[in-house]
Amino acid sequence: MKRIYPWMLAVPAIILATTTGCSTPAGTANENVPGSEAEKTVLDSCGREVVFDQEPQSVLAIGSEAPALLTAAGAGEKITHYAGRYQVPFDEETEKAVRNAQRVIEDSHDVSYEMILDSGVDVVIGTDIAAGIDLNALAQRLERAGAKMLTVSGYCAGFEDRSTSGVSGFDQIYKDVESYGELFGTEDHAAQSVKDMRVRVDAAAKRVSQQEEQRGLPLYVPTAGPLGSYGHESLVAEQMEVLGMENVFNNVPKRYFEPSNEELVDSAADKVFAMYLPTGSSNLETDQQVIDELRQRTELKGLPAIEDEDGIVPLNYYYSSPGPLAVDGVELIADRLTR
């Protein structure tokens, strides 16, 4: 089975629905266009205008974010096909949606053009397909075959010549939910979901508002190989900021990178956010396993937070991905910071 690595999930080799140039934030500039027979829905997908003449009846959801975004929008029953793993900590409704769908493939990075065509879906929503494909040509081929493509907005900043125009990661999540609600005629459900998520994020922030400001070091922890970290462009950095913490690598204009041993120790972080992926290159299944792995890493010797009983905050990687699970992630981090 092909292993998943953090840079593959963060900035996949192939992202759906990309084109040259980008004018507006991902998922924005949505509008209904009067047509001769019915209103058309126009969605922005990382700067590419995608026009729907009618409501899609079938969806291939690729990756872990798309199913939860669709469920939050009230359109989970539209997921007829799923490309991804079942070991994602989905909420009950999303879990039911993906289990009821036909799974195309376990590793979303291996989805092919032929798989999409064979599924017969009206629209593909998600992140990656497969490496080595001209995306513009692929989008055109799929459209000619009757399938539209939309990208999860949190991945738009990962491409060259793309921009989110300063839209925050959480706002991109909310906008995706609203956009899918518009597309599937479930606007009221989507609006309520966004309202609920905003309330939850605000409540988590208030729980830690009285705590002394601290500096956090986000790490991706594999069982072998170098440790990875996350810069200013990452969602985990935004989660930390929401909770009043500063990312020690906030001045690094990247999402994911591999810091030197000196940078790790010199960071003098108060907390270490230990991120792991049970289904990927971490191969770590529990919070305690990731704590034990970090404490035996020689490159972290000299960093006091590693030996502090409360210095390590384990976090399943999925809780920092650009979908509703990021809200769960903020709550989990807040709970651990206030213990």
Protein backbone atom coordinates (compact mmCIF):
# COMPACT_ATOMS: atom_id res chain seq x y z
CA MET A 1 0.00 0.00 0.00
CA LYS A 2 1.28 3.45 -0.87
CA ARG A 3 2.26 5.48 2.19
CA ILE A 4 0.87 8.95 2.81
CA TYR A 5 3.29 11.66 3.88
CA PRO A 6 2.40 15.04 5.39
CA TRP A 7 3.45 17.04 2.35
CA MET A 8 1.23 14.86 0.18
CA LEU A 9 -1.81 15.65 2.30
CA ALA A 10 -0.89 19.27 2.72
CA VAL A 11 0.01 20.17 -0.84
CA PRO A 12 -0.84 17.16 -3.02
CA ALA A 13 0.93 16.67 -6.32
CA ILE A 14 -2.37 17.05 -8.12
CA ILE A 15 -5.14 19.34 -6.95
CA LEU A 16 -8.56 19.31 -8.51
CA ALA A 17 -9.91 22.11 -10.65
CA THR A 18 -6.81 24.24 -11.15
CA THR A 19 -6.17 26.64 -14.00
CA THR A 20 -3.79 29.44 -14.82
CA GLY A 21 -4.33 32.61 -12.84
CA CYS A 22 -6.46 33.34 -9.82
CA SER A 23 -8.62 36.36 -9.23
CA THR A 24 -10.70 35.64 -6.15
CA PRO A 25 -10.40 33.55 -3.00
CA ALA A 26 -11.26 29.89 -3.36
CA GLY A 27 -14.95 29.21 -3.09
CA THR A 28 -15.93 32.87 -3.43
CA ALA A 29 -17.67 34.86 -6.15
CA ASN A 30 -20.57 32.46 -6.19
CA GLU A 31 -23.66 33.62 -8.04
CA ASN A 32 -26.87 32.45 -9.64
CA VAL A 33 -27.00 33.26 -13.35
CA PRO A 34 -30.40 33.52 -15.03
CA GLY A 35 -30.61 30.96 -17.84
CA SER A 36 -33.09 30.23 -20.58
CA GLU A 37 -34.56 27.25 -18.74
CA ALA A 38 -33.30 27.40 -15.17
CA GLU A 39 -30.93 29.33 -12.98
CA LYS A 40 -27.30 28.35 -13.21
CA THR A 41 -25.01 28.14 -10.19
CA VAL A 42 -21.52 29.53 -10.62
CA LEU A 43 -18.83 28.59 -8.11
CA ASP A 44 -15.24 29.77 -7.95
CA SER A 45 -12.75 26.92 -7.57
CA CYS A 46 -9.29 28.34 -6.86
CA GLY A 47 -9.90 31.02 -9.49
CA ARG A 48 -11.61 28.79 -12.03
CA GLU A 49 -15.25 29.53 -12.77
CA VAL A 50 -17.35 26.37 -12.65
CA VAL A 51 -20.89 26.64 -14.02
CA PHE A 52 -23.63 24.19 -13.06
CA ASP A 53 -26.78 24.14 -15.17
CA GLN A 54 -28.55 21.99 -12.62
CA GLU A 55 -28.09 20.48 -9.19
CA PRO A 56 -25.68 17.52 -9.29
CA GLN A 57 -27.21 14.21 -8.28
CA SER A 58 -24.01 12.25 -7.66
CA VAL A 59 -20.65 13.16 -6.13
CA LEU A 60 -17.24 11.53 -5.96
CA ALA A 61 -15.68 12.85 -2.73
CA ILE A 62 -11.89 12.60 -2.80
CA GLY A 63 -9.88 12.79 0.41
CA SER A 64 -10.94 13.32 4.01
CA GLU A 65 -12.21 16.91 3.83
CA ALA A 66 -14.83 16.76 1.08
CA PRO A 67 -17.20 14.28 2.78
CA ALA A 68 -17.37 16.29 6.01
CA LEU A 69 -17.79 19.58 4.14
CA LEU A 70 -20.68 18.11 2.15
CA THR A 71 -22.31 16.68 5.26
CA ALA A 72 -22.01 20.04 7.02
CA ALA A 73 -23.68 21.61 3.98
CA GLY A 74 -26.58 19.17 4.28
CA ALA A 75 -25.63 17.30 1.12
CA GLY A 76 -24.04 14.16 2.52
CA GLU A 77 -26.57 11.94 0.76
CA LYS A 78 -25.23 13.20 -2.58
CA ILE A 79 -21.97 11.32 -1.98
CA THR A 80 -22.34 8.26 -4.16
CA HIS A 81 -18.62 7.48 -4.47
CA TYR A 82 -15.69 7.96 -2.10
CA ALA A 83 -11.93 7.84 -2.61
CA GLY A 84 -10.17 7.68 0.73
CA ARG A 85 -9.64 5.84 3.96
CA TYR A 86 -12.17 4.81 6.58
CA GLN A 87 -9.77 5.45 9.49
CA VAL A 88 -10.55 9.18 9.48
CA PRO A 89 -12.21 10.40 12.73
CA PHE A 90 -15.41 11.44 10.92
CA ASP A 91 -18.52 12.52 12.80
CA GLU A 92 -21.34 9.97 12.83
CA GLU A 93 -23.24 11.48 9.91
CA THR A 94 -20.18 11.72 7.67
CA GLU A 95 -19.09 8.22 8.61
CA LYS A 96 -22.49 6.95 7.51
CA ALA A 97 -22.26 8.88 4.23
CA VAL A 98 -18.87 7.47 3.23
CA ARG A 99 -19.81 3.94 4.30
CA ASN A 100 -22.97 4.12 2.19
CA ALA A 101 -21.01 5.36 -0.82
CA GLN A 102 -19.12 3.10 -3.19
CA ARG A 103 -15.43 3.31 -2.36
CA VAL A 104 -13.44 3.83 -5.55
CA ILE A 105 -10.01 3.37 -3.97
CA GLU A 106 -8.42 3.53 -0.52
CA ASP A 107 -5.55 5.89 -1.33
CA SER A 108 -6.98 9.12 -2.72
CA HIS A 109 -3.64 9.95 -4.35
CA ASP A 110 -4.15 7.07 -6.76
CA VAL A 111 -7.46 8.22 -8.25
CA SER A 112 -7.29 8.24 -12.05
CA TYR A 113 -9.24 9.83 -14.88
CA GLU A 114 -10.63 6.43 -15.78
CA MET A 115 -11.87 5.86 -12.22
CA ILE A 116 -13.74 9.14 -12.30
CA LEU A 117 -15.35 8.33 -15.63
CA ASP A 118 -16.26 4.82 -14.50
CA SER A 119 -18.00 6.24 -11.42
CA GLY A 120 -20.39 8.17 -13.67
CA VAL A 121 -20.70 11.03 -11.16
CA ASP A 122 -21.85 14.55 -11.98
CA VAL A 123 -19.15 16.28 -9.93
CA VAL A 124 -15.83 15.47 -8.28
CA ILE A 125 -15.09 17.36 -5.05
CA GLY A 126 -11.85 17.03 -3.14
CA THR A 127 -8.12 17.44 -3.34
CA ASP A 128 -5.90 15.24 -5.47
CA ILE A 129 -6.20 12.78 -8.33
CA ALA A 130 -2.80 11.44 -9.42
CA ALA A 131 0.67 12.72 -10.20
CA GLY A 132 1.90 13.59 -13.66
CA ILE A 133 -1.34 14.79 -15.26
CA ASP A 134 -1.99 18.12 -16.99
CA LEU A 135 -4.81 19.41 -14.83
CA ASN A 136 -6.22 21.89 -17.28
CA ALA A 137 -6.47 19.21 -19.94
CA LEU A 138 -7.95 16.81 -17.39
CA ALA A 139 -10.61 19.31 -16.33
CA GLN A 140 -11.58 19.88 -19.96
CA ARG A 141 -11.70 16.17 -20.69
CA LEU A 142 -13.89 15.50 -17.67
CA GLU A 143 -16.21 18.36 -18.53
CA ARG A 144 -16.63 17.03 -22.04
CA ALA A 145 -17.47 13.67 -20.47
CA GLY A 146 -20.08 15.33 -18.24
CA ALA A 147 -18.24 15.62 -14.91
CA LYS A 148 -17.39 18.90 -13.15
CA MET A 149 -14.50 19.39 -10.72
CA LEU A 150 -14.29 21.47 -7.54
CA THR A 151 -11.36 21.90 -5.15
CA VAL A 152 -11.44 22.02 -1.38
CA SER A 153 -10.48 25.66 -0.81
CA GLY A 154 -7.90 24.99 1.88
CA TYR A 155 -5.60 23.54 -0.77
CA CYS A 156 -5.65 26.49 -3.18
CA ALA A 157 -2.71 28.29 -1.57
CA GLY A 158 -0.55 25.30 -2.35
CA PHE A 159 -0.17 26.16 -5.98
CA GLU A 160 2.00 28.62 -7.82
CA ASP A 161 0.11 31.67 -9.11
CA ARG A 162 -2.77 31.03 -6.69
CA SER A 163 -4.00 33.21 -3.89
CA THR A 164 -6.61 33.16 -1.17
CA SER A 165 -6.46 36.97 -0.93
CA GLY A 166 -5.80 36.74 2.79
CA VAL A 167 -8.89 34.64 3.54
CA SER A 168 -8.22 32.63 6.70
CA GLY A 169 -8.25 28.86 6.77
CA PHE A 170 -11.40 28.75 8.87
CA ASP A 171 -13.17 31.21 6.59
CA GLN A 172 -12.27 28.99 3.64
CA ILE A 173 -13.90 26.05 5.44
CA TYR A 174 -17.04 28.09 6.12
CA LYS A 175 -17.15 29.31 2.52
CA ASP A 176 -16.89 25.78 1.15
CA VAL A 177 -19.84 24.69 3.29
CA GLU A 178 -21.87 27.68 2.10
CA SER A 179 -20.90 27.06 -1.54
CA TYR A 180 -21.94 23.41 -1.41
CA GLY A 181 -25.17 24.44 0.28
CA GLU A 182 -25.84 26.78 -2.62
CA LEU A 183 -25.01 24.10 -5.17
CA PHE A 184 -27.27 21.47 -3.63
CA GLY A 185 -30.10 23.74 -2.50
CA THR A 186 -29.39 23.25 1.20
CA GLU A 187 -28.44 26.82 2.04
CA ASP A 188 -30.30 26.93 5.37
CA HIS A 189 -28.62 23.78 6.64
CA ALA A 190 -25.22 25.05 5.51
CA ALA A 191 -25.75 28.44 7.15
CA GLN A 192 -26.66 26.79 10.46
CA SER A 193 -23.60 24.54 10.27
CA VAL A 194 -21.33 27.53 9.70
CA LYS A 195 -22.96 29.38 12.59
CA ASP A 196 -22.44 26.37 14.86
CA MET A 197 -18.78 26.02 13.84
CA ARG A 198 -18.11 29.70 14.50
CA VAL A 199 -19.69 29.42 17.95
CA ARG A 200 -17.58 26.37 18.77
CA VAL A 201 -14.33 28.05 17.70
CA ASP A 202 -15.16 31.17 19.72
CA ALA A 203 -16.03 29.05 22.77
CA ALA A 204 -12.73 27.16 22.52
CA ALA A 205 -10.83 30.45 22.32
CA LYS A 206 -12.61 31.78 25.42
CA ARG A 207 -11.70 28.67 27.41
CA VAL A 208 -8.00 29.48 27.10
CA SER A 209 -8.27 33.29 27.07
CA GLN A 210 -7.07 33.63 30.66
CA GLN A 211 -3.96 31.55 30.11
CA GLU A 212 -0.53 33.10 29.79
CA GLU A 213 0.54 33.49 26.17
CA GLN A 214 2.86 30.69 25.10
CA ARG A 215 4.91 29.69 22.08
CA GLY A 216 4.15 26.42 20.34
CA LEU A 217 6.22 24.18 18.09
CA PRO A 218 4.11 22.15 15.63
CA LEU A 219 5.80 18.92 14.56
CA TYR A 220 4.88 16.09 12.24
CA VAL A 221 6.20 12.91 13.84
CA PRO A 222 7.13 9.96 11.59
CA THR A 223 8.50 6.75 13.07
CA ALA A 224 11.56 7.14 10.86
CA GLY A 225 13.22 10.02 9.09
CA PRO A 226 13.39 13.72 9.92
CA LEU A 227 10.77 15.62 11.88
CA GLY A 228 8.68 18.09 9.91
CA SER A 229 7.19 21.38 11.01
CA TYR A 230 4.61 23.92 9.89
CA GLY A 231 5.02 27.57 9.04
CA HIS A 232 2.71 30.56 8.71
CA GLU A 233 0.66 29.08 5.84
CA SER A 234 -0.53 26.06 7.83
CA LEU A 235 -3.94 25.60 9.41
CA VAL A 236 -2.39 24.36 12.65
CA ALA A 237 -0.65 27.74 12.95
CA GLU A 238 -4.05 29.39 12.67
CA GLN A 239 -5.50 27.01 15.26
CA MET A 240 -2.72 28.00 17.63
CA GLU A 241 -3.33 31.69 16.96
CA VAL A 242 -7.05 31.31 17.67
CA LEU A 243 -6.10 29.89 21.06
CA GLY A 244 -3.70 32.72 21.85
CA MET A 245 -0.48 30.86 21.07
CA GLU A 246 2.36 31.86 18.78
CA ASN A 247 3.86 29.43 16.28
CA VAL A 248 7.63 29.52 16.78
CA PHE A 249 7.96 29.23 12.99
CA ASN A 250 5.36 31.88 12.21
CA ASN A 251 7.94 33.80 10.17
CA VAL A 252 8.42 30.85 7.80
CA PRO A 253 6.27 31.53 4.67
CA LYS A 254 5.55 27.87 4.08
CA ARG A 255 2.99 25.33 5.05
CA TYR A 256 5.34 22.39 5.66
CA PHE A 257 9.13 22.20 5.90
CA GLU A 258 11.89 20.27 7.65
CA PRO A 259 13.73 22.42 10.22
CA SER A 260 17.29 21.78 11.33
CA ASN A 261 18.05 20.26 14.73
CA GLU A 262 19.39 23.63 15.87
CA GLU A 263 16.17 25.39 14.86
CA LEU A 264 14.13 22.88 16.85
CA VAL A 265 16.11 23.28 20.07
CA ASP A 266 16.62 27.04 19.68
CA SER A 267 12.87 27.53 19.30
CA ALA A 268 12.58 27.25 23.10
CA ALA A 269 8.92 26.34 22.64
CA ASP A 270 6.65 26.11 25.67
CA LYS A 271 4.50 23.44 24.02
CA VAL A 272 5.15 20.89 21.30
CA PHE A 273 2.18 20.02 19.10
CA ALA A 274 2.93 16.45 18.08
CA MET A 275 0.98 15.65 14.93
CA TYR A 276 0.69 12.09 13.70
CA LEU A 277 -1.15 10.22 10.98
CA PRO A 278 -2.27 6.70 11.98
CA THR A 279 -2.81 5.65 8.35
CA GLY A 280 0.34 7.15 6.89
CA SER A 281 4.06 7.59 7.46
CA SER A 282 3.65 8.10 11.21
CA ASN A 283 2.26 4.61 11.74
CA LEU A 284 1.52 5.77 15.29
CA GLU A 285 -1.89 4.82 16.61
CA THR A 286 -2.25 6.61 19.95
CA ASP A 287 -1.36 9.85 21.71
CA GLN A 288 0.97 7.99 24.07
CA GLN A 289 2.86 6.43 21.19
CA VAL A 290 3.62 9.81 19.66
CA ILE A 291 4.73 11.16 23.06
CA ASP A 292 7.07 8.20 23.54
CA GLU A 293 8.44 8.62 20.01
CA LEU A 294 9.26 12.30 20.58
CA ARG A 295 10.96 11.70 23.92
CA GLN A 296 13.42 9.28 22.36
CA ARG A 297 14.32 11.63 19.50
CA THR A 298 17.94 12.70 20.02
CA GLU A 299 17.47 15.87 17.94
CA LEU A 300 15.07 17.22 20.58
CA LYS A 301 17.43 16.78 23.51
CA GLY A 302 17.82 20.16 25.15
CA LEU A 303 14.23 21.26 24.48
CA PRO A 304 12.64 21.48 27.96
CA ALA A 305 9.06 21.05 26.72
CA ILE A 306 9.85 17.47 25.66
CA GLU A 307 10.46 16.36 29.24
CA ASP A 308 7.65 18.48 30.70
CA GLU A 309 4.70 16.28 31.68
CA ASP A 310 2.29 18.70 29.99
CA GLY A 311 4.71 19.96 27.35
CA ILE A 312 3.61 17.67 24.52
CA VAL A 313 0.16 18.08 22.95
CA PRO A 314 -0.59 15.11 20.64
CA LEU A 315 -2.89 15.80 17.70
CA ASN A 316 -4.18 13.42 15.04
CA TYR A 317 -3.21 15.04 11.72
CA TYR A 318 -6.77 14.97 10.42
CA TYR A 319 -7.76 17.53 13.06
CA SER A 320 -5.64 20.17 11.30
CA SER A 321 -6.95 19.52 7.78
CA PRO A 322 -9.07 22.17 5.96
CA GLY A 323 -12.49 20.80 6.80
CA PRO A 324 -14.91 20.65 9.74
CA LEU A 325 -12.49 18.39 11.65
CA ALA A 326 -10.32 21.50 12.15
CA VAL A 327 -13.03 22.81 14.47
CA ASP A 328 -12.84 19.58 16.47
CA GLY A 329 -9.09 20.11 16.49
CA VAL A 330 -9.37 23.56 18.08
CA GLU A 331 -11.60 22.11 20.78
CA LEU A 332 -9.21 19.22 21.43
CA ILE A 333 -6.23 21.56 21.71
CA ALA A 334 -8.15 23.90 24.02
CA ASP A 335 -9.11 20.98 26.26
CA ARG A 336 -5.50 19.85 26.54
CA LEU A 337 -4.20 23.35 27.21
CA THR A 338 -6.65 23.84 30.08
CA ARG A 339 -6.08 20.53 31.87
